[in-house]
Amino acid sequence: QVQLVESGGGSVQHGRSLRLYCAASGAAGSAIYSMSWYRQVPGQQRELVATIDKTGATTYLESVKGRFTMATDNAENTGYLQMNDLKSEDTAVYYCRLRSWSGVDSPWGQGTQVIVSS
């Protein structure tokens, strides 16, 4: 059973930075095709923020391009989301998710809250 634990969230002022962490257990590294970060604001749908695949290729939500950077440590089954120049609209609960080569998504973790104050 794959389990994901997100951490690193907090409350910061706009313009500051945070690094989020995603620790995966129960998943063989070779079975993972990609890792993604999502975020959700209460009352709104969860949106895809960033994805990194096995080749290291990354894609980002347009509004975070140039500010957020995603990376993984495959040896540790850990993912990171470096968030710089945070804006109030980045306030959300952030979740990570794995996708296998066969297209199966992992269960959601508990998420980590990010609050950006202006």
Protein backbone atom coordinates (compact mmCIF):
# COMPACT_ATOMS: atom_id res chain seq x y z
CA GLN A 1 0.00 0.00 0.00
CA VAL A 2 1.49 3.30 -1.08
CA GLN A 3 1.45 6.03 1.52
CA LEU A 4 2.37 9.65 0.98
CA VAL A 5 3.23 12.16 3.67
CA GLU A 6 3.45 15.83 2.78
CA SER A 7 5.23 18.35 5.00
CA GLY A 8 6.88 21.73 4.94
CA GLY A 9 3.82 23.93 4.80
CA GLY A 10 3.37 26.97 6.97
CA SER A 11 2.31 30.55 7.18
CA VAL A 12 4.51 33.13 5.43
CA GLN A 13 4.30 36.64 4.08
CA HIS A 14 3.99 37.27 0.36
CA GLY A 15 7.30 37.24 -1.44
CA ARG A 16 8.81 34.66 0.89
CA SER A 17 9.67 31.03 0.16
CA LEU A 18 8.71 27.56 1.36
CA ARG A 19 9.87 24.09 0.43
CA LEU A 20 7.35 21.29 0.54
CA TYR A 21 8.31 17.65 0.93
CA CYS A 22 6.59 14.47 -0.17
CA ALA A 23 7.77 11.22 1.39
CA ALA A 24 6.54 8.05 -0.31
CA SER A 25 6.54 4.61 1.24
CA GLY A 26 5.29 1.27 0.04
CA ALA A 27 6.14 1.99 -3.57
CA ALA A 28 8.97 0.51 -5.56
CA GLY A 29 10.89 3.29 -7.22
CA SER A 30 10.99 1.40 -10.49
CA ALA A 31 7.18 1.28 -10.58
CA ILE A 32 6.77 5.04 -10.36
CA TYR A 33 6.38 6.99 -13.58
CA SER A 34 5.73 10.43 -12.18
CA MET A 35 5.11 12.51 -9.10
CA SER A 36 2.79 15.49 -9.02
CA TRP A 37 1.86 18.27 -6.65
CA TYR A 38 -1.73 19.47 -6.43
CA ARG A 39 -3.37 22.15 -4.35
CA GLN A 40 -6.86 22.79 -3.16
CA VAL A 41 -8.66 25.77 -1.73
CA PRO A 42 -11.82 25.02 0.28
CA GLY A 43 -14.83 25.02 -2.00
CA GLN A 44 -12.75 24.67 -5.13
CA GLN A 45 -11.49 21.75 -7.17
CA ARG A 46 -8.04 20.37 -6.61
CA GLU A 47 -5.69 21.70 -9.28
CA LEU A 48 -2.48 20.30 -10.69
CA VAL A 49 0.49 22.47 -9.81
CA ALA A 50 3.53 20.57 -11.05
CA THR A 51 4.60 17.18 -12.38
CA ILE A 52 7.94 15.52 -12.84
CA ASP A 53 8.37 12.28 -14.72
CA LYS A 54 11.06 9.63 -14.77
CA THR A 55 13.06 11.48 -17.38
CA GLY A 56 13.18 14.53 -15.15
CA ALA A 57 10.86 16.50 -17.40
CA THR A 58 8.68 18.93 -15.49
CA THR A 59 5.46 20.75 -16.23
CA TYR A 60 3.97 23.58 -14.21
CA LEU A 61 0.72 25.40 -13.76
CA GLU A 62 1.03 28.64 -15.70
CA SER A 63 0.60 30.83 -12.63
CA VAL A 64 3.56 29.24 -10.81
CA LYS A 65 6.04 29.05 -13.68
CA GLY A 66 9.28 30.77 -12.80
CA ARG A 67 8.43 30.69 -9.09
CA PHE A 68 8.00 27.00 -8.25
CA THR A 69 10.52 24.24 -8.91
CA MET A 70 9.87 20.54 -8.50
CA ALA A 71 12.51 17.87 -7.96
CA THR A 72 12.76 14.33 -6.69
CA ASP A 73 15.29 12.18 -4.93
CA ASN A 74 14.52 8.82 -6.46
CA ALA A 75 16.83 7.00 -4.11
CA GLU A 76 14.81 8.27 -1.18
CA ASN A 77 11.38 8.22 -2.88
CA THR A 78 11.04 11.85 -1.90
CA GLY A 79 9.72 14.78 -3.83
CA TYR A 80 10.20 18.49 -3.27
CA LEU A 81 8.37 21.60 -4.32
CA GLN A 82 10.42 24.76 -3.89
CA MET A 83 8.07 27.72 -3.84
CA ASN A 84 9.56 31.19 -4.19
CA ASP A 85 7.98 34.62 -4.38
CA LEU A 86 4.81 33.29 -2.81
CA LYS A 87 1.56 35.13 -3.45
CA SER A 88 -1.69 35.16 -1.53
CA GLU A 89 -3.30 33.14 -4.33
CA ASP A 90 -0.90 30.30 -3.53
CA THR A 91 -2.71 29.78 -0.24
CA ALA A 92 -4.07 26.22 -0.29
CA VAL A 93 -3.58 22.72 1.00
CA TYR A 94 -0.89 21.04 -1.08
CA TYR A 95 -0.92 17.33 -1.89
CA CYS A 96 1.43 15.05 -3.75
CA ARG A 97 0.56 12.01 -5.78
CA LEU A 98 2.40 9.25 -7.58
CA ARG A 99 1.46 7.69 -10.88
CA SER A 100 2.66 4.27 -11.92
CA TRP A 101 3.76 3.25 -15.40
CA SER A 102 0.37 1.60 -15.85
CA GLY A 103 -1.41 4.87 -15.08
CA VAL A 104 -2.58 4.03 -11.58
CA ASP A 105 -2.59 6.93 -9.14
CA SER A 106 -1.63 6.57 -5.51
CA PRO A 107 -4.01 7.44 -2.69
CA TRP A 108 -3.93 11.03 -1.47
CA GLY A 109 -1.89 11.96 1.56
CA GLN A 110 -3.15 14.30 4.27
CA GLY A 111 -1.72 17.38 2.58
CA THR A 112 0.19 20.30 4.01
CA GLN A 113 -1.29 23.76 4.50
CA VAL A 114 0.32 26.82 2.95
CA ILE A 115 -0.93 30.24 3.98
CA VAL A 116 0.47 33.35 2.35
CA SER A 117 -0.45 36.66 3.90
CA SER A 118 -0.24 39.98 2.10
